[in-house]
Amino acid sequence: MTVPVLTVTPAGAAGAYARVQNGAGSGEGGPAASGFGDMLTRALGSVVDAGHQADAQSMQAIAGGGNLTEVVTAVSRAELALQSAVTIRDRVVQAYQDVMRMPI
């Protein structure tokens, strides 16, 4: 079973932000329209899915089945996804703090 990996690029994030600013993310555009929040939800969902996949592969290996290469790959993907999510969270918090420190 392959876990889909959602990559967040600066251009994709900027496009999602622009769609939200233009009102496309408010449900007006139907299922094709998605906003920045939807993109973040999908990204976090893929992080959780990668963790579940790593858990399943690890449990299968503990039970005596599975391939060691697949276990290591699944765990590495989960670790990378978690590190990416933490980095994005840290940058969002830093940006918020920078905005709050701006003089009015």
PDB file of N, CA and C in Angstrom:
ATOM      1  N   MET A   1       0.844  -1.161   0.000  1.00  0.00           N
ATOM      2  CA  MET A   1       0.000   0.000   0.000  1.00  0.00           C
ATOM      3  C   MET A   1       0.899   1.237   0.000  1.00  0.00           C
ATOM      4  N   THR A   2       0.674   2.128  -0.941  1.00  0.00           N
ATOM      5  CA  THR A   2       1.481   3.329  -1.051  1.00  0.00           C
ATOM      6  C   THR A   2       0.750   4.496  -0.405  1.00  0.00           C
ATOM      7  N   VAL A   3       1.464   5.260   0.389  1.00  0.00           N
ATOM      8  CA  VAL A   3       0.899   6.427   1.047  1.00  0.00           C
ATOM      9  C   VAL A   3       1.115   7.623   0.130  1.00  0.00           C
ATOM     10  N   PRO A   4       0.024   8.322  -0.261  1.00  0.00           N
ATOM     11  CA  PRO A   4       0.219   9.498  -1.096  1.00  0.00           C
ATOM     12  C   PRO A   4       0.906  10.593  -0.291  1.00  0.00           C
ATOM     13  N   VAL A   5       1.892  11.201  -0.908  1.00  0.00           N
ATOM     14  CA  VAL A   5       2.642  12.256  -0.246  1.00  0.00           C
ATOM     15  C   VAL A   5       2.205  13.587  -0.844  1.00  0.00           C
ATOM     16  N   LEU A   6       1.757  14.476   0.004  1.00  0.00           N
ATOM     17  CA  LEU A   6       1.340  15.793  -0.431  1.00  0.00           C
ATOM     18  C   LEU A   6       2.503  16.739  -0.221  1.00  0.00           C
ATOM     19  N   THR A   7       2.997  17.262  -1.310  1.00  0.00           N
ATOM     20  CA  THR A   7       4.091  18.205  -1.197  1.00  0.00           C
ATOM     21  C   THR A   7       3.528  19.615  -1.278  1.00  0.00           C
ATOM     22  N   VAL A   8       4.010  20.465  -0.427  1.00  0.00           N
ATOM     23  CA  VAL A   8       3.582  21.849  -0.388  1.00  0.00           C
ATOM     24  C   VAL A   8       4.710  22.690  -0.965  1.00  0.00           C
ATOM     25  N   THR A   9       4.423  23.306  -2.105  1.00  0.00           N
ATOM     26  CA  THR A   9       5.406  24.174  -2.740  1.00  0.00           C
ATOM     27  C   THR A   9       5.028  25.619  -2.473  1.00  0.00           C
ATOM     28  N   PRO A  10       5.989  26.522  -2.527  1.00  0.00           N
ATOM     29  CA  PRO A  10       5.648  27.934  -2.339  1.00  0.00           C
ATOM     30  C   PRO A  10       4.622  28.425  -3.361  1.00  0.00           C
ATOM     31  N   ALA A  11       4.742  27.969  -4.609  1.00  0.00           N
ATOM     32  CA  ALA A  11       3.792  28.398  -5.634  1.00  0.00           C
ATOM     33  C   ALA A  11       2.385  27.860  -5.333  1.00  0.00           C
ATOM     34  N   GLY A  12       2.302  26.622  -4.874  1.00  0.00           N
ATOM     35  CA  GLY A  12       1.007  26.050  -4.525  1.00  0.00           C
ATOM     36  C   GLY A  12       0.378  26.760  -3.345  1.00  0.00           C
ATOM     37  N   ALA A  13       1.189  27.084  -2.337  1.00  0.00           N
ATOM     38  CA  ALA A  13       0.681  27.804  -1.169  1.00  0.00           C
ATOM     39  C   ALA A  13       0.218  29.206  -1.561  1.00  0.00           C
ATOM     40  N   ALA A  14       0.983  29.866  -2.428  1.00  0.00           N
ATOM     41  CA  ALA A  14       0.598  31.209  -2.877  1.00  0.00           C
ATOM     42  C   ALA A  14      -0.692  31.158  -3.685  1.00  0.00           C
ATOM     43  N   GLY A  15      -0.837  30.138  -4.520  1.00  0.00           N
ATOM     44  CA  GLY A  15      -2.064  29.988  -5.295  1.00  0.00           C
ATOM     45  C   GLY A  15      -3.268  29.735  -4.410  1.00  0.00           C
ATOM     46  N   ALA A  16      -3.092  28.891  -3.395  1.00  0.00           N
ATOM     47  CA  ALA A  16      -4.185  28.624  -2.466  1.00  0.00           C
ATOM     48  C   ALA A  16      -4.548  29.884  -1.694  1.00  0.00           C
ATOM     49  N   TYR A  17      -3.549  30.643  -1.299  1.00  0.00           N
ATOM     50  CA  TYR A  17      -3.813  31.887  -0.584  1.00  0.00           C
ATOM     51  C   TYR A  17      -4.571  32.870  -1.481  1.00  0.00           C
ATOM     52  N   ALA A  18      -4.160  32.954  -2.742  1.00  0.00           N
ATOM     53  CA  ALA A  18      -4.841  33.858  -3.671  1.00  0.00           C
ATOM     54  C   ALA A  18      -6.296  33.437  -3.877  1.00  0.00           C
ATOM     55  N   ARG A  19      -6.555  32.121  -3.966  1.00  0.00           N
ATOM     56  CA  ARG A  19      -7.930  31.652  -4.131  1.00  0.00           C
ATOM     57  C   ARG A  19      -8.773  32.001  -2.909  1.00  0.00           C
ATOM     58  N   VAL A  20      -8.185  31.904  -1.721  1.00  0.00           N
ATOM     59  CA  VAL A  20      -8.916  32.260  -0.508  1.00  0.00           C
ATOM     60  C   VAL A  20      -9.232  33.754  -0.507  1.00  0.00           C
ATOM     61  N   GLN A  21      -8.273  34.565  -0.913  1.00  0.00           N
ATOM     62  CA  GLN A  21      -8.478  36.010  -0.945  1.00  0.00           C
ATOM     63  C   GLN A  21      -9.539  36.403  -1.969  1.00  0.00           C
ATOM     64  N   ASN A  22      -9.654  35.641  -3.046  1.00  0.00           N
ATOM     65  CA  ASN A  22     -10.641  35.944  -4.078  1.00  0.00           C
ATOM     66  C   ASN A  22     -12.000  35.323  -3.795  1.00  0.00           C
ATOM     67  N   GLY A  23     -12.146  34.611  -2.681  1.00  0.00           N
ATOM     68  CA  GLY A  23     -13.421  34.034  -2.302  1.00  0.00           C
ATOM     69  C   GLY A  23     -13.643  32.637  -2.814  1.00  0.00           C
ATOM     70  N   ALA A  24     -12.672  32.055  -3.513  1.00  0.00           N
ATOM     71  CA  ALA A  24     -12.856  30.720  -4.063  1.00  0.00           C
ATOM     72  C   ALA A  24     -12.847  29.662  -2.973  1.00  0.00           C
ATOM     73  N   GLY A  25     -12.236  29.930  -1.848  1.00  0.00           N
ATOM     74  CA  GLY A  25     -12.148  28.932  -0.784  1.00  0.00           C
ATOM     75  C   GLY A  25     -13.348  28.899   0.129  1.00  0.00           C
ATOM     76  N   SER A  26     -14.350  29.753  -0.131  1.00  0.00           N
ATOM     77  CA  SER A  26     -15.496  29.814   0.762  1.00  0.00           C
ATOM     78  C   SER A  26     -16.632  28.900   0.342  1.00  0.00           C
ATOM     79  N   GLY A  27     -16.344  27.953  -0.561  1.00  0.00           N
ATOM     80  CA  GLY A  27     -17.373  27.015  -0.968  1.00  0.00           C
ATOM     81  C   GLY A  27     -18.138  27.474  -2.191  1.00  0.00           C
ATOM     82  N   GLU A  28     -17.816  28.642  -2.758  1.00  0.00           N
ATOM     83  CA  GLU A  28     -18.532  29.167  -3.897  1.00  0.00           C
ATOM     84  C   GLU A  28     -18.189  28.438  -5.180  1.00  0.00           C
ATOM     85  N   GLY A  29     -16.999  27.864  -5.251  1.00  0.00           N
ATOM     86  CA  GLY A  29     -16.551  27.276  -6.494  1.00  0.00           C
ATOM     87  C   GLY A  29     -16.809  25.792  -6.598  1.00  0.00           C
ATOM     88  N   GLY A  30     -17.482  25.169  -5.674  1.00  0.00           N
ATOM     89  CA  GLY A  30     -17.759  23.749  -5.735  1.00  0.00           C
ATOM     90  C   GLY A  30     -16.594  22.934  -5.234  1.00  0.00           C
ATOM     91  N   PRO A  31     -16.574  21.639  -5.568  1.00  0.00           N
ATOM     92  CA  PRO A  31     -15.541  20.758  -5.043  1.00  0.00           C
ATOM     93  C   PRO A  31     -14.154  21.055  -5.603  1.00  0.00           C
ATOM     94  N   ALA A  32     -14.068  21.682  -6.774  1.00  0.00           N
ATOM     95  CA  ALA A  32     -12.752  21.953  -7.352  1.00  0.00           C
ATOM     96  C   ALA A  32     -12.033  23.081  -6.619  1.00  0.00           C
ATOM     97  N   ALA A  33     -12.796  23.993  -6.008  1.00  0.00           N
ATOM     98  CA  ALA A  33     -12.184  25.114  -5.311  1.00  0.00           C
ATOM     99  C   ALA A  33     -11.731  24.664  -3.932  1.00  0.00           C
ATOM    100  N   SER A  34     -10.475  24.931  -3.632  1.00  0.00           N
ATOM    101  CA  SER A  34      -9.973  24.598  -2.308  1.00  0.00           C
ATOM    102  C   SER A  34      -9.122  25.746  -1.821  1.00  0.00           C
ATOM    103  N   GLY A  35      -9.167  25.961  -0.542  1.00  0.00           N
ATOM    104  CA  GLY A  35      -8.435  27.057   0.037  1.00  0.00           C
ATOM    105  C   GLY A  35      -7.173  26.607   0.734  1.00  0.00           C
ATOM    106  N   PHE A  36      -6.526  27.580   1.329  1.00  0.00           N
ATOM    107  CA  PHE A  36      -5.276  27.320   2.036  1.00  0.00           C
ATOM    108  C   PHE A  36      -5.518  26.373   3.205  1.00  0.00           C
ATOM    109  N   GLY A  37      -6.626  26.551   3.910  1.00  0.00           N
ATOM    110  CA  GLY A  37      -6.955  25.673   5.030  1.00  0.00           C
ATOM    111  C   GLY A  37      -7.176  24.238   4.581  1.00  0.00           C
ATOM    112  N   ASP A  38      -7.826  24.073   3.425  1.00  0.00           N
ATOM    113  CA  ASP A  38      -8.032  22.722   2.889  1.00  0.00           C
ATOM    114  C   ASP A  38      -6.702  22.073   2.538  1.00  0.00           C
ATOM    115  N   MET A  39      -5.788  22.865   1.989  1.00  0.00           N
ATOM    116  CA  MET A  39      -4.478  22.330   1.640  1.00  0.00           C
ATOM    117  C   MET A  39      -3.736  21.890   2.901  1.00  0.00           C
ATOM    118  N   LEU A  40      -3.812  22.697   3.946  1.00  0.00           N
ATOM    119  CA  LEU A  40      -3.161  22.314   5.203  1.00  0.00           C
ATOM    120  C   LEU A  40      -3.811  21.080   5.812  1.00  0.00           C
ATOM    121  N   THR A  41      -5.127  20.981   5.700  1.00  0.00           N
ATOM    122  CA  THR A  41      -5.821  19.798   6.212  1.00  0.00           C
ATOM    123  C   THR A  41      -5.370  18.546   5.477  1.00  0.00           C
ATOM    124  N   ARG A  42      -5.254  18.635   4.148  1.00  0.00           N
ATOM    125  CA  ARG A  42      -4.784  17.483   3.375  1.00  0.00           C
ATOM    126  C   ARG A  42      -3.346  17.141   3.730  1.00  0.00           C
ATOM    127  N   ALA A  43      -2.509  18.162   3.928  1.00  0.00           N
ATOM    128  CA  ALA A  43      -1.111  17.916   4.275  1.00  0.00           C
ATOM    129  C   ALA A  43      -1.001  17.215   5.630  1.00  0.00           C
ATOM    130  N   LEU A  44      -1.764  17.676   6.603  1.00  0.00           N
ATOM    131  CA  LEU A  44      -1.739  17.035   7.914  1.00  0.00           C
ATOM    132  C   LEU A  44      -2.327  15.627   7.854  1.00  0.00           C
ATOM    133  N   GLY A  45      -3.324  15.448   7.004  1.00  0.00           N
ATOM    134  CA  GLY A  45      -3.880  14.111   6.817  1.00  0.00           C
ATOM    135  C   GLY A  45      -2.848  13.152   6.239  1.00  0.00           C
ATOM    136  N   SER A  46      -2.027  13.649   5.329  1.00  0.00           N
ATOM    137  CA  SER A  46      -0.991  12.780   4.760  1.00  0.00           C
ATOM    138  C   SER A  46       0.085  12.463   5.793  1.00  0.00           C
ATOM    139  N   VAL A  47       0.348  13.388   6.716  1.00  0.00           N
ATOM    140  CA  VAL A  47       1.305  13.112   7.797  1.00  0.00           C
ATOM    141  C   VAL A  47       0.764  12.000   8.690  1.00  0.00           C
ATOM    142  N   VAL A  48      -0.515  12.088   9.019  1.00  0.00           N
ATOM    143  CA  VAL A  48      -1.135  11.065   9.864  1.00  0.00           C
ATOM    144  C   VAL A  48      -1.146   9.722   9.137  1.00  0.00           C
ATOM    145  N   ASP A  49      -1.480   9.743   7.843  1.00  0.00           N
ATOM    146  CA  ASP A  49      -1.493   8.500   7.062  1.00  0.00           C
ATOM    147  C   ASP A  49      -0.106   7.868   7.003  1.00  0.00           C
ATOM    148  N   ALA A  50       0.927   8.690   6.854  1.00  0.00           N
ATOM    149  CA  ALA A  50       2.296   8.162   6.831  1.00  0.00           C
ATOM    150  C   ALA A  50       2.640   7.514   8.171  1.00  0.00           C
ATOM    151  N   GLY A  51       2.187   8.101   9.258  1.00  0.00           N
ATOM    152  CA  GLY A  51       2.415   7.515  10.579  1.00  0.00           C
ATOM    153  C   GLY A  51       1.699   6.192  10.744  1.00  0.00           C
ATOM    154  N   HIS A  52       0.465   6.135  10.263  1.00  0.00           N
ATOM    155  CA  HIS A  52      -0.293   4.884  10.347  1.00  0.00           C
ATOM    156  C   HIS A  52       0.366   3.797   9.491  1.00  0.00           C
ATOM    157  N   GLN A  53       0.840   4.176   8.306  1.00  0.00           N
ATOM    158  CA  GLN A  53       1.513   3.213   7.434  1.00  0.00           C
ATOM    159  C   GLN A  53       2.783   2.685   8.108  1.00  0.00           C
ATOM    160  N   ALA A  54       3.547   3.571   8.734  1.00  0.00           N
ATOM    161  CA  ALA A  54       4.764   3.146   9.430  1.00  0.00           C
ATOM    162  C   ALA A  54       4.427   2.208  10.582  1.00  0.00           C
ATOM    163  N   ASP A  55       3.359   2.521  11.316  1.00  0.00           N
ATOM    164  CA  ASP A  55       2.927   1.643  12.411  1.00  0.00           C
ATOM    165  C   ASP A  55       2.527   0.265  11.890  1.00  0.00           C
ATOM    166  N   ALA A  56       1.772   0.253  10.798  1.00  0.00           N
ATOM    167  CA  ALA A  56       1.317  -1.020  10.240  1.00  0.00           C
ATOM    168  C   ALA A  56       2.497  -1.857   9.760  1.00  0.00           C
ATOM    169  N   GLN A  57       3.461  -1.220   9.092  1.00  0.00           N
ATOM    170  CA  GLN A  57       4.640  -1.944   8.615  1.00  0.00           C
ATOM    171  C   GLN A  57       5.461  -2.468   9.794  1.00  0.00           C
ATOM    172  N   SER A  58       5.593  -1.660  10.831  1.00  0.00           N
ATOM    173  CA  SER A  58       6.356  -2.082  12.008  1.00  0.00           C
ATOM    174  C   SER A  58       5.685  -3.258  12.703  1.00  0.00           C
ATOM    175  N   MET A  59       4.373  -3.199  12.853  1.00  0.00           N
ATOM    176  CA  MET A  59       3.651  -4.297  13.506  1.00  0.00           C
ATOM    177  C   MET A  59       3.743  -5.583  12.686  1.00  0.00           C
ATOM    178  N   GLN A  60       3.699  -5.439  11.365  1.00  0.00           N
ATOM    179  CA  GLN A  60       3.828  -6.606  10.507  1.00  0.00           C
ATOM    180  C   GLN A  60       5.218  -7.221  10.655  1.00  0.00           C
ATOM    181  N   ALA A  61       6.251  -6.382  10.754  1.00  0.00           N
ATOM    182  CA  ALA A  61       7.617  -6.891  10.923  1.00  0.00           C
ATOM    183  C   ALA A  61       7.782  -7.561  12.289  1.00  0.00           C
ATOM    184  N   ILE A  62       7.162  -6.989  13.327  1.00  0.00           N
ATOM    185  CA  ILE A  62       7.252  -7.571  14.665  1.00  0.00           C
ATOM    186  C   ILE A  62       6.584  -8.944  14.695  1.00  0.00           C
ATOM    187  N   ALA A  63       5.498  -9.067  13.919  1.00  0.00           N
ATOM    188  CA  ALA A  63       4.771 -10.336  13.873  1.00  0.00           C
ATOM    189  C   ALA A  63       5.505 -11.402  13.060  1.00  0.00           C
ATOM    190  N   GLY A  64       6.627 -11.040  12.473  1.00  0.00           N
ATOM    191  CA  GLY A  64       7.415 -12.025  11.730  1.00  0.00           C
ATOM    192  C   GLY A  64       7.265 -11.926  10.232  1.00  0.00           C
ATOM    193  N   GLY A  65       6.407 -11.077   9.753  1.00  0.00           N
ATOM    194  CA  GLY A  65       6.225 -10.900   8.310  1.00  0.00           C
ATOM    195  C   GLY A  65       6.800  -9.575   7.869  1.00  0.00           C
ATOM    196  N   GLY A  66       6.571  -9.250   6.628  1.00  0.00           N
ATOM    197  CA  GLY A  66       6.995  -7.955   6.129  1.00  0.00           C
ATOM    198  C   GLY A  66       8.437  -7.945   5.689  1.00  0.00           C
ATOM    199  N   ASN A  67       8.772  -6.897   5.031  1.00  0.00           N
ATOM    200  CA  ASN A  67      10.104  -6.704   4.485  1.00  0.00           C
ATOM    201  C   ASN A  67      10.781  -5.582   5.265  1.00  0.00           C
ATOM    202  N   LEU A  68      11.992  -5.808   5.678  1.00  0.00           N
ATOM    203  CA  LEU A  68      12.710  -4.812   6.467  1.00  0.00           C
ATOM    204  C   LEU A  68      12.892  -3.507   5.694  1.00  0.00           C
ATOM    205  N   THR A  69      13.127  -3.608   4.407  1.00  0.00           N
ATOM    206  CA  THR A  69      13.296  -2.401   3.581  1.00  0.00           C
ATOM    207  C   THR A  69      12.022  -1.568   3.573  1.00  0.00           C
ATOM    208  N   GLU A  70      10.866  -2.237   3.467  1.00  0.00           N
ATOM    209  CA  GLU A  70       9.592  -1.508   3.476  1.00  0.00           C
ATOM    210  C   GLU A  70       9.341  -0.850   4.827  1.00  0.00           C
ATOM    211  N   VAL A  71       9.735  -1.518   5.902  1.00  0.00           N
ATOM    212  CA  VAL A  71       9.570  -0.948   7.249  1.00  0.00           C
ATOM    213  C   VAL A  71      10.413   0.307   7.393  1.00  0.00           C
ATOM    214  N   VAL A  72      11.676   0.216   7.006  1.00  0.00           N
ATOM    215  CA  VAL A  72      12.576   1.366   7.130  1.00  0.00           C
ATOM    216  C   VAL A  72      12.099   2.514   6.247  1.00  0.00           C
ATOM    217  N   THR A  73      11.637   2.202   5.044  1.00  0.00           N
ATOM    218  CA  THR A  73      11.138   3.244   4.143  1.00  0.00           C
ATOM    219  C   THR A  73       9.900   3.917   4.728  1.00  0.00           C
ATOM    220  N   ALA A  74       8.972   3.139   5.259  1.00  0.00           N
ATOM    221  CA  ALA A  74       7.752   3.705   5.837  1.00  0.00           C
ATOM    222  C   ALA A  74       8.061   4.573   7.046  1.00  0.00           C
ATOM    223  N   VAL A  75       8.960   4.114   7.892  1.00  0.00           N
ATOM    224  CA  VAL A  75       9.333   4.900   9.076  1.00  0.00           C
ATOM    225  C   VAL A  75      10.054   6.182   8.662  1.00  0.00           C
ATOM    226  N   SER A  76      10.908   6.098   7.664  1.00  0.00           N
ATOM    227  CA  SER A  76      11.620   7.292   7.181  1.00  0.00           C
ATOM    228  C   SER A  76      10.656   8.307   6.587  1.00  0.00           C
ATOM    229  N   ARG A  77       9.671   7.825   5.833  1.00  0.00           N
ATOM    230  CA  ARG A  77       8.665   8.742   5.271  1.00  0.00           C
ATOM    231  C   ARG A  77       7.864   9.415   6.376  1.00  0.00           C
ATOM    232  N   ALA A  78       7.495   8.652   7.380  1.00  0.00           N
ATOM    233  CA  ALA A  78       6.731   9.220   8.496  1.00  0.00           C
ATOM    234  C   ALA A  78       7.559  10.255   9.249  1.00  0.00           C
ATOM    235  N   GLU A  79       8.837   9.954   9.447  1.00  0.00           N
ATOM    236  CA  GLU A  79       9.709  10.895  10.146  1.00  0.00           C
ATOM    237  C   GLU A  79       9.887  12.180   9.346  1.00  0.00           C
ATOM    238  N   LEU A  80      10.087  12.048   8.042  1.00  0.00           N
ATOM    239  CA  LEU A  80      10.245  13.224   7.187  1.00  0.00           C
ATOM    240  C   LEU A  80       8.967  14.050   7.160  1.00  0.00           C
ATOM    241  N   ALA A  81       7.819  13.391   7.073  1.00  0.00           N
ATOM    242  CA  ALA A  81       6.543  14.113   7.064  1.00  0.00           C
ATOM    243  C   ALA A  81       6.329  14.864   8.377  1.00  0.00           C
ATOM    244  N   LEU A  82       6.676  14.230   9.494  1.00  0.00           N
ATOM    245  CA  LEU A  82       6.517  14.893  10.788  1.00  0.00           C
ATOM    246  C   LEU A  82       7.471  16.071  10.930  1.00  0.00           C
ATOM    247  N   GLN A  83       8.707  15.905  10.490  1.00  0.00           N
ATOM    248  CA  GLN A  83       9.669  17.009  10.543  1.00  0.00           C
ATOM    249  C   GLN A  83       9.209  18.174   9.677  1.00  0.00           C
ATOM    250  N   SER A  84       8.642  17.866   8.510  1.00  0.00           N
ATOM    251  CA  SER A  84       8.133  18.924   7.638  1.00  0.00           C
ATOM    252  C   SER A  84       6.976  19.662   8.295  1.00  0.00           C
ATOM    253  N   ALA A  85       6.058  18.914   8.927  1.00  0.00           N
ATOM    254  CA  ALA A  85       4.920  19.544   9.588  1.00  0.00           C
ATOM    255  C   ALA A  85       5.371  20.436  10.740  1.00  0.00           C
ATOM    256  N   VAL A  86       6.352  19.981  11.496  1.00  0.00           N
ATOM    257  CA  VAL A  86       6.867  20.787  12.616  1.00  0.00           C
ATOM    258  C   VAL A  86       7.552  22.044  12.086  1.00  0.00           C
ATOM    259  N   THR A  87       8.298  21.921  11.008  1.00  0.00           N
ATOM    260  CA  THR A  87       8.975  23.085  10.419  1.00  0.00           C
ATOM    261  C   THR A  87       7.961  24.107   9.926  1.00  0.00           C
ATOM    262  N   ILE A  88       6.910  23.632   9.254  1.00  0.00           N
ATOM    263  CA  ILE A  88       5.873  24.547   8.775  1.00  0.00           C
ATOM    264  C   ILE A  88       5.186  25.226   9.946  1.00  0.00           C
ATOM    265  N   ARG A  89       4.882  24.463  10.996  1.00  0.00           N
ATOM    266  CA  ARG A  89       4.252  25.048  12.179  1.00  0.00           C
ATOM    267  C   ARG A  89       5.136  26.125  12.796  1.00  0.00           C
ATOM    268  N   ASP A  90       6.430  25.842  12.910  1.00  0.00           N
ATOM    269  CA  ASP A  90       7.359  26.807  13.491  1.00  0.00           C
ATOM    270  C   ASP A  90       7.417  28.085  12.661  1.00  0.00           C
ATOM    271  N   ARG A  91       7.408  27.932  11.340  1.00  0.00           N
ATOM    272  CA  ARG A  91       7.456  29.119  10.479  1.00  0.00           C
ATOM    273  C   ARG A  91       6.169  29.927  10.554  1.00  0.00           C
ATOM    274  N   VAL A  92       5.025  29.264  10.668  1.00  0.00           N
ATOM    275  CA  VAL A  92       3.763  29.984  10.805  1.00  0.00           C
ATOM    276  C   VAL A  92       3.736  30.740  12.127  1.00  0.00           C
ATOM    277  N   VAL A  93       4.183  30.117  13.196  1.00  0.00           N
ATOM    278  CA  VAL A  93       4.226  30.788  14.502  1.00  0.00           C
ATOM    279  C   VAL A  93       5.181  31.972  14.452  1.00  0.00           C
ATOM    280  N   GLN A  94       6.340  31.797  13.817  1.00  0.00           N
ATOM    281  CA  GLN A  94       7.308  32.892  13.701  1.00  0.00           C
ATOM    282  C   GLN A  94       6.729  34.044  12.882  1.00  0.00           C
ATOM    283  N   ALA A  95       6.027  33.737  11.795  1.00  0.00           N
ATOM    284  CA  ALA A  95       5.415  34.790  10.981  1.00  0.00           C
ATOM    285  C   ALA A  95       4.350  35.534  11.775  1.00  0.00           C
ATOM    286  N   TYR A  96       3.556  34.809  12.550  1.00  0.00           N
ATOM    287  CA  TYR A  96       2.542  35.443  13.387  1.00  0.00           C
ATOM    288  C   TYR A  96       3.190  36.367  14.411  1.00  0.00           C
ATOM    289  N   GLN A  97       4.267  35.899  15.035  1.00  0.00           N
ATOM    290  CA  GLN A  97       4.956  36.730  16.019  1.00  0.00           C
ATOM    291  C   GLN A  97       5.567  37.969  15.368  1.00  0.00           C
ATOM    292  N   ASP A  98       6.105  37.824  14.160  1.00  0.00           N
ATOM    293  CA  ASP A  98       6.658  38.970  13.441  1.00  0.00           C
ATOM    294  C   ASP A  98       5.580  40.004  13.128  1.00  0.00           C
ATOM    295  N   VAL A  99       4.405  39.542  12.725  1.00  0.00           N
ATOM    296  CA  VAL A  99       3.307  40.458  12.426  1.00  0.00           C
ATOM    297  C   VAL A  99       2.847  41.150  13.697  1.00  0.00           C
ATOM    298  N   MET A 100       2.792  40.430  14.798  1.00  0.00           N
ATOM    299  CA  MET A 100       2.344  41.043  16.049  1.00  0.00           C
ATOM    300  C   MET A 100       3.339  42.061  16.585  1.00  0.00           C
ATOM    301  N   ARG A 101       4.612  41.932  16.227  1.00  0.00           N
ATOM    302  CA  ARG A 101       5.636  42.880  16.676  1.00  0.00           C
ATOM    303  C   ARG A 101       5.731  44.133  15.801  1.00  0.00           C
ATOM    304  N   MET A 102       5.018  44.142  14.681  1.00  0.00           N
ATOM    305  CA  MET A 102       5.095  45.293  13.772  1.00  0.00           C
ATOM    306  C   MET A 102       4.470  46.513  14.423  1.00  0.00           C
ATOM    307  N   PRO A 103       5.128  47.653  14.276  1.00  0.00           N
ATOM    308  CA  PRO A 103       4.527  48.875  14.823  1.00  0.00           C
ATOM    309  C   PRO A 103       3.343  49.318  13.962  1.00  0.00           C
ATOM    310  N   ILE A 104       2.383  49.884  14.631  1.00  0.00           N
ATOM    311  CA  ILE A 104       1.172  50.337  13.919  1.00  0.00           C
ATOM    312  C   ILE A 104       1.309  51.792  13.548  1.00  0.00           C
TER     313      ILE A 104
END
